[in-house]
């Protein structure tokens, strides 16, 4: 949150899809879901 440490980088060419949404639980949390693939396009990961 202080922009001091980088926790993770997602390369643009590995991002398959991105969706922004409200958590739907009434907690008011805004979420970003990223679907990424590996360089060989063999596996996908979901990051929220």
ModelCIF file with pLDDT and N, C-alpha, C, O atoms, coordinates in Angstrom:
data_MODEL
#
_entry.id   MODEL 
#
_entity.id                         1 
_entity.type                       polymer 
_entity.pdbx_number_of_molecules   1 
#
_entity_poly.entity_id                      1 
_entity_poly.type                           'polypeptide(L)' 
_entity_poly.nstd_linkage                   no 
_entity_poly.nstd_monomer                   no 
_entity_poly.pdbx_seq_one_letter_code       
;(UNK)(UNK)(UNK)(UNK)(UNK)(UNK)(UNK)(UNK)(UNK)(UNK)(UNK)(UNK)(UNK)(UNK)(UNK)(UNK)
(UNK)(UNK)(UNK)(UNK)(UNK)(UNK)(UNK)(UNK)(UNK)(UNK)(UNK)(UNK)(UNK)(UNK)(UNK)(UNK)
(UNK)(UNK)(UNK)(UNK)(UNK)(UNK)(UNK)(UNK)(UNK)(UNK)(UNK)(UNK)(UNK)(UNK)(UNK)(UNK)
;
_entity_poly.pdbx_seq_one_letter_code_can   XXXXXXXXXXXXXXXXXXXXXXXXXXXXXXXXXXXXXXXXXXXXXXXX 
_entity_poly.pdbx_strand_id                 A 
#
loop_
_entity_poly_seq.entity_id 
_entity_poly_seq.num 
_entity_poly_seq.mon_id 
_entity_poly_seq.hetero 
1 1  UNK n 
1 2  UNK n 
1 3  UNK n 
1 4  UNK n 
1 5  UNK n 
1 6  UNK n 
1 7  UNK n 
1 8  UNK n 
1 9  UNK n 
1 10 UNK n 
1 11 UNK n 
1 12 UNK n 
1 13 UNK n 
1 14 UNK n 
1 15 UNK n 
1 16 UNK n 
1 17 UNK n 
1 18 UNK n 
1 19 UNK n 
1 20 UNK n 
1 21 UNK n 
1 22 UNK n 
1 23 UNK n 
1 24 UNK n 
1 25 UNK n 
1 26 UNK n 
1 27 UNK n 
1 28 UNK n 
1 29 UNK n 
1 30 UNK n 
1 31 UNK n 
1 32 UNK n 
1 33 UNK n 
1 34 UNK n 
1 35 UNK n 
1 36 UNK n 
1 37 UNK n 
1 38 UNK n 
1 39 UNK n 
1 40 UNK n 
1 41 UNK n 
1 42 UNK n 
1 43 UNK n 
1 44 UNK n 
1 45 UNK n 
1 46 UNK n 
1 47 UNK n 
1 48 UNK n 
#
_struct_asym.id          A 
_struct_asym.entity_id   1 
#
loop_
_ma_qa_metric.id 
_ma_qa_metric.mode 
_ma_qa_metric.name 
_ma_qa_metric.software_group_id 
_ma_qa_metric.type 
1 global pLDDT . pLDDT 
2 local  pLDDT . pLDDT 
#
_ma_qa_metric_global.metric_id      1 
_ma_qa_metric_global.metric_value   84.21 
_ma_qa_metric_global.model_id       1 
_ma_qa_metric_global.ordinal_id     1 
#
loop_
_ma_qa_metric_local.label_asym_id 
_ma_qa_metric_local.label_comp_id 
_ma_qa_metric_local.label_seq_id 
_ma_qa_metric_local.metric_id 
_ma_qa_metric_local.metric_value 
_ma_qa_metric_local.model_id 
_ma_qa_metric_local.ordinal_id 
A UNK 1  2 78.00 1 1  
A UNK 2  2 81.00 1 2  
A UNK 3  2 77.00 1 3  
A UNK 4  2 84.00 1 4  
A UNK 5  2 88.00 1 5  
A UNK 6  2 88.00 1 6  
A UNK 7  2 88.00 1 7  
A UNK 8  2 90.00 1 8  
A UNK 9  2 89.00 1 9  
A UNK 10 2 89.00 1 10 
A UNK 11 2 87.00 1 11 
A UNK 12 2 85.00 1 12 
A UNK 13 2 86.00 1 13 
A UNK 14 2 88.00 1 14 
A UNK 15 2 87.00 1 15 
A UNK 16 2 86.00 1 16 
A UNK 17 2 87.00 1 17 
A UNK 18 2 86.00 1 18 
A UNK 19 2 85.00 1 19 
A UNK 20 2 85.00 1 20 
A UNK 21 2 83.00 1 21 
A UNK 22 2 82.00 1 22 
A UNK 23 2 77.00 1 23 
A UNK 24 2 72.00 1 24 
A UNK 25 2 73.00 1 25 
A UNK 26 2 66.00 1 26 
A UNK 27 2 69.00 1 27 
A UNK 28 2 72.00 1 28 
A UNK 29 2 80.00 1 29 
A UNK 30 2 86.00 1 30 
A UNK 31 2 87.00 1 31 
A UNK 32 2 86.00 1 32 
A UNK 33 2 88.00 1 33 
A UNK 34 2 89.00 1 34 
A UNK 35 2 90.00 1 35 
A UNK 36 2 90.00 1 36 
A UNK 37 2 89.00 1 37 
A UNK 38 2 84.00 1 38 
A UNK 39 2 80.00 1 39 
A UNK 40 2 82.00 1 40 
A UNK 41 2 76.00 1 41 
A UNK 42 2 83.00 1 42 
A UNK 43 2 89.00 1 43 
A UNK 44 2 91.00 1 44 
A UNK 45 2 92.00 1 45 
A UNK 46 2 92.00 1 46 
A UNK 47 2 91.00 1 47 
A UNK 48 2 89.00 1 48 
#
loop_
_atom_site.group_PDB 
_atom_site.id 
_atom_site.type_symbol 
_atom_site.label_atom_id 
_atom_site.label_alt_id 
_atom_site.label_comp_id 
_atom_site.label_asym_id 
_atom_site.label_entity_id 
_atom_site.label_seq_id 
_atom_site.pdbx_PDB_ins_code 
_atom_site.Cartn_x 
_atom_site.Cartn_y 
_atom_site.Cartn_z 
_atom_site.occupancy 
_atom_site.B_iso_or_equiv 
_atom_site.pdbx_formal_charge 
_atom_site.auth_seq_id 
_atom_site.auth_comp_id 
_atom_site.auth_asym_id 
_atom_site.auth_atom_id 
_atom_site.pdbx_PDB_model_num 
ATOM 1   N N  . UNK A 1 1  ? 0.811   -1.215  0.000   1.00 78.00 ? 1  UNK A N  1 
ATOM 2   C CA . UNK A 1 1  ? 0.000   0.000   0.000   1.00 78.00 ? 1  UNK A CA 1 
ATOM 3   C C  . UNK A 1 1  ? 0.847   1.268   0.000   1.00 78.00 ? 1  UNK A C  1 
ATOM 4   O O  . UNK A 1 1  ? 0.394   2.306   -0.481  1.00 78.00 ? 1  UNK A O  1 
ATOM 5   N N  . UNK A 1 2  ? 2.068   1.204   0.531   1.00 81.00 ? 2  UNK A N  1 
ATOM 6   C CA . UNK A 1 2  ? 2.946   2.375   0.513   1.00 81.00 ? 2  UNK A CA 1 
ATOM 7   C C  . UNK A 1 2  ? 3.779   2.454   -0.773  1.00 81.00 ? 2  UNK A C  1 
ATOM 8   O O  . UNK A 1 2  ? 4.616   3.346   -0.916  1.00 81.00 ? 2  UNK A O  1 
ATOM 9   N N  . UNK A 1 3  ? 3.552   1.525   -1.706  1.00 77.00 ? 3  UNK A N  1 
ATOM 10  C CA . UNK A 1 3  ? 4.224   1.468   -3.008  1.00 77.00 ? 3  UNK A CA 1 
ATOM 11  C C  . UNK A 1 3  ? 5.726   1.197   -2.891  1.00 77.00 ? 3  UNK A C  1 
ATOM 12  O O  . UNK A 1 3  ? 6.469   1.379   -3.856  1.00 77.00 ? 3  UNK A O  1 
ATOM 13  N N  . UNK A 1 4  ? 6.167   0.766   -1.717  1.00 84.00 ? 4  UNK A N  1 
ATOM 14  C CA . UNK A 1 4  ? 7.596   0.584   -1.485  1.00 84.00 ? 4  UNK A CA 1 
ATOM 15  C C  . UNK A 1 4  ? 8.104   -0.767  -2.006  1.00 84.00 ? 4  UNK A C  1 
ATOM 16  O O  . UNK A 1 4  ? 9.150   -0.832  -2.652  1.00 84.00 ? 4  UNK A O  1 
ATOM 17  N N  . UNK A 1 5  ? 7.358   -1.843  -1.723  1.00 88.00 ? 5  UNK A N  1 
ATOM 18  C CA . UNK A 1 5  ? 7.786   -3.180  -2.136  1.00 88.00 ? 5  UNK A CA 1 
ATOM 19  C C  . UNK A 1 5  ? 6.889   -3.731  -3.240  1.00 88.00 ? 5  UNK A C  1 
ATOM 20  O O  . UNK A 1 5  ? 5.666   -3.611  -3.171  1.00 88.00 ? 5  UNK A O  1 
ATOM 21  N N  . UNK A 1 6  ? 7.495   -4.330  -4.249  1.00 88.00 ? 6  UNK A N  1 
ATOM 22  C CA . UNK A 1 6  ? 6.741   -4.996  -5.313  1.00 88.00 ? 6  UNK A CA 1 
ATOM 23  C C  . UNK A 1 6  ? 6.473   -6.427  -4.865  1.00 88.00 ? 6  UNK A C  1 
ATOM 24  O O  . UNK A 1 6  ? 7.398   -7.183  -4.567  1.00 88.00 ? 6  UNK A O  1 
ATOM 25  N N  . UNK A 1 7  ? 5.191   -6.785  -4.823  1.00 88.00 ? 7  UNK A N  1 
ATOM 26  C CA . UNK A 1 7  ? 4.800   -8.125  -4.384  1.00 88.00 ? 7  UNK A CA 1 
ATOM 27  C C  . UNK A 1 7  ? 4.748   -9.116  -5.547  1.00 88.00 ? 7  UNK A C  1 
ATOM 28  O O  . UNK A 1 7  ? 5.097   -10.287 -5.399  1.00 88.00 ? 7  UNK A O  1 
ATOM 29  N N  . UNK A 1 8  ? 4.308   -8.625  -6.699  1.00 90.00 ? 8  UNK A N  1 
ATOM 30  C CA . UNK A 1 8  ? 4.135   -9.520  -7.853  1.00 90.00 ? 8  UNK A CA 1 
ATOM 31  C C  . UNK A 1 8  ? 4.079   -8.691  -9.126  1.00 90.00 ? 8  UNK A C  1 
ATOM 32  O O  . UNK A 1 8  ? 3.596   -7.558  -9.122  1.00 90.00 ? 8  UNK A O  1 
ATOM 33  N N  . UNK A 1 9  ? 4.567   -9.255  -10.195 1.00 89.00 ? 9  UNK A N  1 
ATOM 34  C CA . UNK A 1 9  ? 4.440   -8.644  -11.521 1.00 89.00 ? 9  UNK A CA 1 
ATOM 35  C C  . UNK A 1 9  ? 3.752   -9.643  -12.443 1.00 89.00 ? 9  UNK A C  1 
ATOM 36  O O  . UNK A 1 9  ? 4.055   -10.836 -12.428 1.00 89.00 ? 9  UNK A O  1 
ATOM 37  N N  . UNK A 1 10 ? 2.830   -9.141  -13.238 1.00 89.00 ? 10 UNK A N  1 
ATOM 38  C CA . UNK A 1 10 ? 2.147   -9.962  -14.237 1.00 89.00 ? 10 UNK A CA 1 
ATOM 39  C C  . UNK A 1 10 ? 2.472   -9.365  -15.604 1.00 89.00 ? 10 UNK A C  1 
ATOM 40  O O  . UNK A 1 10 ? 2.030   -8.263  -15.926 1.00 89.00 ? 10 UNK A O  1 
ATOM 41  N N  . UNK A 1 11 ? 3.239   -10.092 -16.398 1.00 87.00 ? 11 UNK A N  1 
ATOM 42  C CA . UNK A 1 11 ? 3.611   -9.614  -17.733 1.00 87.00 ? 11 UNK A CA 1 
ATOM 43  C C  . UNK A 1 11 ? 2.366   -9.497  -18.608 1.00 87.00 ? 11 UNK A C  1 
ATOM 44  O O  . UNK A 1 11 ? 1.480   -10.351 -18.572 1.00 87.00 ? 11 UNK A O  1 
ATOM 45  N N  . UNK A 1 12 ? 2.319   -8.433  -19.387 1.00 85.00 ? 12 UNK A N  1 
ATOM 46  C CA . UNK A 1 12 ? 1.147   -8.153  -20.217 1.00 85.00 ? 12 UNK A CA 1 
ATOM 47  C C  . UNK A 1 12 ? 0.820   -9.311  -21.161 1.00 85.00 ? 12 UNK A C  1 
ATOM 48  O O  . UNK A 1 12 ? -0.350  -9.642  -21.350 1.00 85.00 ? 12 UNK A O  1 
ATOM 49  N N  . UNK A 1 13 ? 1.832   -9.918  -21.745 1.00 86.00 ? 13 UNK A N  1 
ATOM 50  C CA . UNK A 1 13 ? 1.584   -10.976 -22.724 1.00 86.00 ? 13 UNK A CA 1 
ATOM 51  C C  . UNK A 1 13 ? 1.075   -12.279 -22.090 1.00 86.00 ? 13 UNK A C  1 
ATOM 52  O O  . UNK A 1 13 ? 0.630   -13.178 -22.803 1.00 86.00 ? 13 UNK A O  1 
ATOM 53  N N  . UNK A 1 14 ? 1.140   -12.383 -20.754 1.00 88.00 ? 14 UNK A N  1 
ATOM 54  C CA . UNK A 1 14 ? 0.647   -13.584 -20.074 1.00 88.00 ? 14 UNK A CA 1 
ATOM 55  C C  . UNK A 1 14 ? -0.761  -13.413 -19.500 1.00 88.00 ? 14 UNK A C  1 
ATOM 56  O O  . UNK A 1 14 ? -1.348  -14.373 -19.002 1.00 88.00 ? 14 UNK A O  1 
ATOM 57  N N  . UNK A 1 15 ? -1.302  -12.197 -19.568 1.00 87.00 ? 15 UNK A N  1 
ATOM 58  C CA . UNK A 1 15 ? -2.653  -11.951 -19.049 1.00 87.00 ? 15 UNK A CA 1 
ATOM 59  C C  . UNK A 1 15 ? -3.670  -12.363 -20.100 1.00 87.00 ? 15 UNK A C  1 
ATOM 60  O O  . UNK A 1 15 ? -3.651  -11.871 -21.228 1.00 87.00 ? 15 UNK A O  1 
ATOM 61  N N  . UNK A 1 16 ? -4.555  -13.269 -19.716 1.00 86.00 ? 16 UNK A N  1 
ATOM 62  C CA . UNK A 1 16 ? -5.582  -13.768 -20.626 1.00 86.00 ? 16 UNK A CA 1 
ATOM 63  C C  . UNK A 1 16 ? -6.859  -12.953 -20.478 1.00 86.00 ? 16 UNK A C  1 
ATOM 64  O O  . UNK A 1 16 ? -7.516  -12.629 -21.468 1.00 86.00 ? 16 UNK A O  1 
ATOM 65  N N  . UNK A 1 17 ? -7.208  -12.622 -19.236 1.00 87.00 ? 17 UNK A N  1 
ATOM 66  C CA . UNK A 1 17 ? -8.461  -11.903 -18.973 1.00 87.00 ? 17 UNK A CA 1 
ATOM 67  C C  . UNK A 1 17 ? -8.354  -11.155 -17.658 1.00 87.00 ? 17 UNK A C  1 
ATOM 68  O O  . UNK A 1 17 ? -7.664  -11.597 -16.739 1.00 87.00 ? 17 UNK A O  1 
ATOM 69  N N  . UNK A 1 18 ? -9.038  -10.019 -17.568 1.00 86.00 ? 18 UNK A N  1 
ATOM 70  C CA . UNK A 1 18 ? -9.099  -9.244  -16.331 1.00 86.00 ? 18 UNK A CA 1 
ATOM 71  C C  . UNK A 1 18 ? -10.545 -8.804  -16.112 1.00 86.00 ? 18 UNK A C  1 
ATOM 72  O O  . UNK A 1 18 ? -11.213 -8.345  -17.039 1.00 86.00 ? 18 UNK A O  1 
ATOM 73  N N  . UNK A 1 19 ? -11.020 -8.949  -14.874 1.00 85.00 ? 19 UNK A N  1 
ATOM 74  C CA . UNK A 1 19 ? -12.390 -8.564  -14.536 1.00 85.00 ? 19 UNK A CA 1 
ATOM 75  C C  . UNK A 1 19 ? -12.371 -7.825  -13.207 1.00 85.00 ? 19 UNK A C  1 
ATOM 76  O O  . UNK A 1 19 ? -11.793 -8.304  -12.231 1.00 85.00 ? 19 UNK A O  1 
ATOM 77  N N  . UNK A 1 20 ? -13.006 -6.654  -13.171 1.00 85.00 ? 20 UNK A N  1 
ATOM 78  C CA . UNK A 1 20 ? -13.163 -5.905  -11.927 1.00 85.00 ? 20 UNK A CA 1 
ATOM 79  C C  . UNK A 1 20 ? -14.594 -6.046  -11.445 1.00 85.00 ? 20 UNK A C  1 
ATOM 80  O O  . UNK A 1 20 ? -15.529 -5.931  -12.238 1.00 85.00 ? 20 UNK A O  1 
ATOM 81  N N  . UNK A 1 21 ? -14.777 -6.294  -10.150 1.00 83.00 ? 21 UNK A N  1 
ATOM 82  C CA . UNK A 1 21 ? -16.128 -6.496  -9.638  1.00 83.00 ? 21 UNK A CA 1 
ATOM 83  C C  . UNK A 1 21 ? -16.196 -6.250  -8.138  1.00 83.00 ? 21 UNK A C  1 
ATOM 84  O O  . UNK A 1 21 ? -15.175 -6.225  -7.450  1.00 83.00 ? 21 UNK A O  1 
ATOM 85  N N  . UNK A 1 22 ? -17.426 -6.069  -7.639  1.00 82.00 ? 22 UNK A N  1 
ATOM 86  C CA . UNK A 1 22 ? -17.702 -5.940  -6.216  1.00 82.00 ? 22 UNK A CA 1 
ATOM 87  C C  . UNK A 1 22 ? -17.830 -7.342  -5.640  1.00 82.00 ? 22 UNK A C  1 
ATOM 88  O O  . UNK A 1 22 ? -18.325 -8.238  -6.322  1.00 82.00 ? 22 UNK A O  1 
ATOM 89  N N  . UNK A 1 23 ? -17.399 -7.552  -4.412  1.00 77.00 ? 23 UNK A N  1 
ATOM 90  C CA . UNK A 1 23 ? -17.403 -8.908  -3.846  1.00 77.00 ? 23 UNK A CA 1 
ATOM 91  C C  . UNK A 1 23 ? -18.801 -9.501  -3.673  1.00 77.00 ? 23 UNK A C  1 
ATOM 92  O O  . UNK A 1 23 ? -18.938 -10.716 -3.530  1.00 77.00 ? 23 UNK A O  1 
ATOM 93  N N  . UNK A 1 24 ? -19.836 -8.667  -3.684  1.00 72.00 ? 24 UNK A N  1 
ATOM 94  C CA . UNK A 1 24 ? -21.207 -9.168  -3.606  1.00 72.00 ? 24 UNK A CA 1 
ATOM 95  C C  . UNK A 1 24 ? -21.635 -9.611  -2.222  1.00 72.00 ? 24 UNK A C  1 
ATOM 96  O O  . UNK A 1 24 ? -22.746 -10.113 -2.052  1.00 72.00 ? 24 UNK A O  1 
ATOM 97  N N  . UNK A 1 25 ? -20.786 -9.439  -1.241  1.00 73.00 ? 25 UNK A N  1 
ATOM 98  C CA . UNK A 1 25 ? -21.101 -9.869  0.124   1.00 73.00 ? 25 UNK A CA 1 
ATOM 99  C C  . UNK A 1 25 ? -21.524 -8.708  1.008   1.00 73.00 ? 25 UNK A C  1 
ATOM 100 O O  . UNK A 1 25 ? -21.745 -8.885  2.206   1.00 73.00 ? 25 UNK A O  1 
ATOM 101 N N  . UNK A 1 26 ? -21.639 -7.523  0.425   1.00 66.00 ? 26 UNK A N  1 
ATOM 102 C CA . UNK A 1 26 ? -22.033 -6.355  1.195   1.00 66.00 ? 26 UNK A CA 1 
ATOM 103 C C  . UNK A 1 26 ? -20.900 -5.744  1.994   1.00 66.00 ? 26 UNK A C  1 
ATOM 104 O O  . UNK A 1 26 ? -21.111 -4.790  2.742   1.00 66.00 ? 26 UNK A O  1 
ATOM 105 N N  . UNK A 1 27 ? -19.705 -6.282  1.843   1.00 69.00 ? 27 UNK A N  1 
ATOM 106 C CA . UNK A 1 27 ? -18.561 -5.752  2.587   1.00 69.00 ? 27 UNK A CA 1 
ATOM 107 C C  . UNK A 1 27 ? -17.933 -4.555  1.866   1.00 69.00 ? 27 UNK A C  1 
ATOM 108 O O  . UNK A 1 27 ? -17.072 -3.877  2.425   1.00 69.00 ? 27 UNK A O  1 
ATOM 109 N N  . UNK A 1 28 ? -18.357 -4.298  0.641   1.00 72.00 ? 28 UNK A N  1 
ATOM 110 C CA . UNK A 1 28 ? -17.844 -3.160  -0.107  1.00 72.00 ? 28 UNK A CA 1 
ATOM 111 C C  . UNK A 1 28 ? -16.442 -3.340  -0.643  1.00 72.00 ? 28 UNK A C  1 
ATOM 112 O O  . UNK A 1 28 ? -15.761 -2.357  -0.938  1.00 72.00 ? 28 UNK A O  1 
ATOM 113 N N  . UNK A 1 29 ? -16.005 -4.565  -0.772  1.00 80.00 ? 29 UNK A N  1 
ATOM 114 C CA . UNK A 1 29 ? -14.661 -4.814  -1.300  1.00 80.00 ? 29 UNK A CA 1 
ATOM 115 C C  . UNK A 1 29 ? -14.701 -4.862  -2.831  1.00 80.00 ? 29 UNK A C  1 
ATOM 116 O O  . UNK A 1 29 ? -15.552 -5.520  -3.428  1.00 80.00 ? 29 UNK A O  1 
ATOM 117 N N  . UNK A 1 30 ? -13.782 -4.165  -3.430  1.00 86.00 ? 30 UNK A N  1 
ATOM 118 C CA . UNK A 1 30 ? -13.660 -4.154  -4.880  1.00 86.00 ? 30 UNK A CA 1 
ATOM 119 C C  . UNK A 1 30 ? -12.506 -5.059  -5.255  1.00 86.00 ? 30 UNK A C  1 
ATOM 120 O O  . UNK A 1 30 ? -11.397 -4.921  -4.738  1.00 86.00 ? 30 UNK A O  1 
ATOM 121 N N  . UNK A 1 31 ? -12.773 -5.980  -6.153  1.00 87.00 ? 31 UNK A N  1 
ATOM 122 C CA . UNK A 1 31 ? -11.788 -7.000  -6.493  1.00 87.00 ? 31 UNK A CA 1 
ATOM 123 C C  . UNK A 1 31 ? -11.415 -6.943  -7.964  1.00 87.00 ? 31 UNK A C  1 
ATOM 124 O O  . UNK A 1 31 ? -12.214 -6.548  -8.813  1.00 87.00 ? 31 UNK A O  1 
ATOM 125 N N  . UNK A 1 32 ? -10.190 -7.346  -8.242  1.00 86.00 ? 32 UNK A N  1 
ATOM 126 C CA . UNK A 1 32 ? -9.712  -7.492  -9.606  1.00 86.00 ? 32 UNK A CA 1 
ATOM 127 C C  . UNK A 1 32 ? -9.255  -8.931  -9.759  1.00 86.00 ? 32 UNK A C  1 
ATOM 128 O O  . UNK A 1 32 ? -8.373  -9.390  -9.034  1.00 86.00 ? 32 UNK A O  1 
ATOM 129 N N  . UNK A 1 33 ? -9.855  -9.642  -10.705 1.00 88.00 ? 33 UNK A N  1 
ATOM 130 C CA . UNK A 1 33 ? -9.465  -11.028 -10.976 1.00 88.00 ? 33 UNK A CA 1 
ATOM 131 C C  . UNK A 1 33 ? -8.678  -11.053 -12.282 1.00 88.00 ? 33 UNK A C  1 
ATOM 132 O O  . UNK A 1 33 ? -9.103  -10.494 -13.292 1.00 88.00 ? 33 UNK A O  1 
ATOM 133 N N  . UNK A 1 34 ? -7.528  -11.710 -12.240 1.00 89.00 ? 34 UNK A N  1 
ATOM 134 C CA . UNK A 1 34 ? -6.686  -11.864 -13.422 1.00 89.00 ? 34 UNK A CA 1 
ATOM 135 C C  . UNK A 1 34 ? -6.524  -13.343 -13.743 1.00 89.00 ? 34 UNK A C  1 
ATOM 136 O O  . UNK A 1 34 ? -6.193  -14.146 -12.872 1.00 89.00 ? 34 UNK A O  1 
ATOM 137 N N  . UNK A 1 35 ? -6.757  -13.685 -14.976 1.00 90.00 ? 35 UNK A N  1 
ATOM 138 C CA . UNK A 1 35 ? -6.457  -15.036 -15.444 1.00 90.00 ? 35 UNK A CA 1 
ATOM 139 C C  . UNK A 1 35 ? -5.184  -14.928 -16.252 1.00 90.00 ? 35 UNK A C  1 
ATOM 140 O O  . UNK A 1 35 ? -5.118  -14.184 -17.231 1.00 90.00 ? 35 UNK A O  1 
ATOM 141 N N  . UNK A 1 36 ? -4.164  -15.678 -15.838 1.00 90.00 ? 36 UNK A N  1 
ATOM 142 C CA . UNK A 1 36 ? -2.878  -15.637 -16.527 1.00 90.00 ? 36 UNK A CA 1 
ATOM 143 C C  . UNK A 1 36 ? -2.505  -17.040 -16.981 1.00 90.00 ? 36 UNK A C  1 
ATOM 144 O O  . UNK A 1 36 ? -3.034  -18.039 -16.494 1.00 90.00 ? 36 UNK A O  1 
ATOM 145 N N  . UNK A 1 37 ? -1.588  -17.080 -17.917 1.00 89.00 ? 37 UNK A N  1 
ATOM 146 C CA . UNK A 1 37 ? -1.060  -18.353 -18.398 1.00 89.00 ? 37 UNK A CA 1 
ATOM 147 C C  . UNK A 1 37 ? 0.457   -18.336 -18.237 1.00 89.00 ? 37 UNK A C  1 
ATOM 148 O O  . UNK A 1 37 ? 1.055   -17.281 -18.027 1.00 89.00 ? 37 UNK A O  1 
ATOM 149 N N  . UNK A 1 38 ? 1.059   -19.485 -18.335 1.00 84.00 ? 38 UNK A N  1 
ATOM 150 C CA . UNK A 1 38 ? 2.524   -19.520 -18.295 1.00 84.00 ? 38 UNK A CA 1 
ATOM 151 C C  . UNK A 1 38 ? 3.054   -19.328 -19.716 1.00 84.00 ? 38 UNK A C  1 
ATOM 152 O O  . UNK A 1 38 ? 2.277   -19.311 -20.670 1.00 84.00 ? 38 UNK A O  1 
ATOM 153 N N  . UNK A 1 39 ? 4.340   -19.188 -19.856 1.00 80.00 ? 39 UNK A N  1 
ATOM 154 C CA . UNK A 1 39 ? 4.946   -18.901 -21.162 1.00 80.00 ? 39 UNK A CA 1 
ATOM 155 C C  . UNK A 1 39 ? 4.653   -19.979 -22.204 1.00 80.00 ? 39 UNK A C  1 
ATOM 156 O O  . UNK A 1 39 ? 4.569   -19.679 -23.395 1.00 80.00 ? 39 UNK A O  1 
ATOM 157 N N  . UNK A 1 40 ? 4.498   -21.212 -21.773 1.00 82.00 ? 40 UNK A N  1 
ATOM 158 C CA . UNK A 1 40 ? 4.196   -22.295 -22.704 1.00 82.00 ? 40 UNK A CA 1 
ATOM 159 C C  . UNK A 1 40 ? 2.715   -22.488 -22.958 1.00 82.00 ? 40 UNK A C  1 
ATOM 160 O O  . UNK A 1 40 ? 2.324   -23.369 -23.723 1.00 82.00 ? 40 UNK A O  1 
ATOM 161 N N  . UNK A 1 41 ? 1.884   -21.667 -22.320 1.00 76.00 ? 41 UNK A N  1 
ATOM 162 C CA . UNK A 1 41 ? 0.423   -21.737 -22.439 1.00 76.00 ? 41 UNK A CA 1 
ATOM 163 C C  . UNK A 1 41 ? -0.106  -23.117 -22.069 1.00 76.00 ? 41 UNK A C  1 
ATOM 164 O O  . UNK A 1 41 ? -1.086  -23.589 -22.645 1.00 76.00 ? 41 UNK A O  1 
ATOM 165 N N  . UNK A 1 42 ? 0.550   -23.761 -21.103 1.00 83.00 ? 42 UNK A N  1 
ATOM 166 C CA . UNK A 1 42 ? 0.129   -25.083 -20.673 1.00 83.00 ? 42 UNK A CA 1 
ATOM 167 C C  . UNK A 1 42 ? -0.770  -25.032 -19.437 1.00 83.00 ? 42 UNK A C  1 
ATOM 168 O O  . UNK A 1 42 ? -1.635  -25.891 -19.265 1.00 83.00 ? 42 UNK A O  1 
ATOM 169 N N  . UNK A 1 43 ? -0.571  -24.037 -18.582 1.00 89.00 ? 43 UNK A N  1 
ATOM 170 C CA . UNK A 1 43 ? -1.352  -23.928 -17.354 1.00 89.00 ? 43 UNK A CA 1 
ATOM 171 C C  . UNK A 1 43 ? -1.879  -22.517 -17.203 1.00 89.00 ? 43 UNK A C  1 
ATOM 172 O O  . UNK A 1 43 ? -1.269  -21.560 -17.678 1.00 89.00 ? 43 UNK A O  1 
ATOM 173 N N  . UNK A 1 44 ? -3.024  -22.393 -16.533 1.00 91.00 ? 44 UNK A N  1 
ATOM 174 C CA . UNK A 1 44 ? -3.602  -21.089 -16.229 1.00 91.00 ? 44 UNK A CA 1 
ATOM 175 C C  . UNK A 1 44 ? -3.647  -20.905 -14.717 1.00 91.00 ? 44 UNK A C  1 
ATOM 176 O O  . UNK A 1 44 ? -3.754  -21.869 -13.959 1.00 91.00 ? 44 UNK A O  1 
ATOM 177 N N  . UNK A 1 45 ? -3.563  -19.654 -14.299 1.00 92.00 ? 45 UNK A N  1 
ATOM 178 C CA . UNK A 1 45 ? -3.684  -19.310 -12.888 1.00 92.00 ? 45 UNK A CA 1 
ATOM 179 C C  . UNK A 1 45 ? -4.722  -18.216 -12.746 1.00 92.00 ? 45 UNK A C  1 
ATOM 180 O O  . UNK A 1 45 ? -4.913  -17.412 -13.659 1.00 92.00 ? 45 UNK A O  1 
ATOM 181 N N  . UNK A 1 46 ? -5.393  -18.181 -11.607 1.00 92.00 ? 46 UNK A N  1 
ATOM 182 C CA . UNK A 1 46 ? -6.359  -17.135 -11.299 1.00 92.00 ? 46 UNK A CA 1 
ATOM 183 C C  . UNK A 1 46 ? -5.852  -16.374 -10.086 1.00 92.00 ? 46 UNK A C  1 
ATOM 184 O O  . UNK A 1 46 ? -5.599  -16.963 -9.035  1.00 92.00 ? 46 UNK A O  1 
ATOM 185 N N  . UNK A 1 47 ? -5.705  -15.069 -10.234 1.00 91.00 ? 47 UNK A N  1 
ATOM 186 C CA . UNK A 1 47 ? -5.219  -14.197 -9.175  1.00 91.00 ? 47 UNK A CA 1 
ATOM 187 C C  . UNK A 1 47 ? -6.338  -13.223 -8.843  1.00 91.00 ? 47 UNK A C  1 
ATOM 188 O O  . UNK A 1 47 ? -6.941  -12.647 -9.749  1.00 91.00 ? 47 UNK A O  1 
ATOM 189 N N  . UNK A 1 48 ? -6.627  -13.028 -7.559  1.00 89.00 ? 48 UNK A N  1 
ATOM 190 C CA . UNK A 1 48 ? -7.658  -12.083 -7.137  1.00 89.00 ? 48 UNK A CA 1 
ATOM 191 C C  . UNK A 1 48 ? -7.023  -11.097 -6.167  1.00 89.00 ? 48 UNK A C  1 
ATOM 192 O O  . UNK A 1 48 ? -7.700  -10.197 -5.670  1.00 89.00 ? 48 UNK A O  1 
#
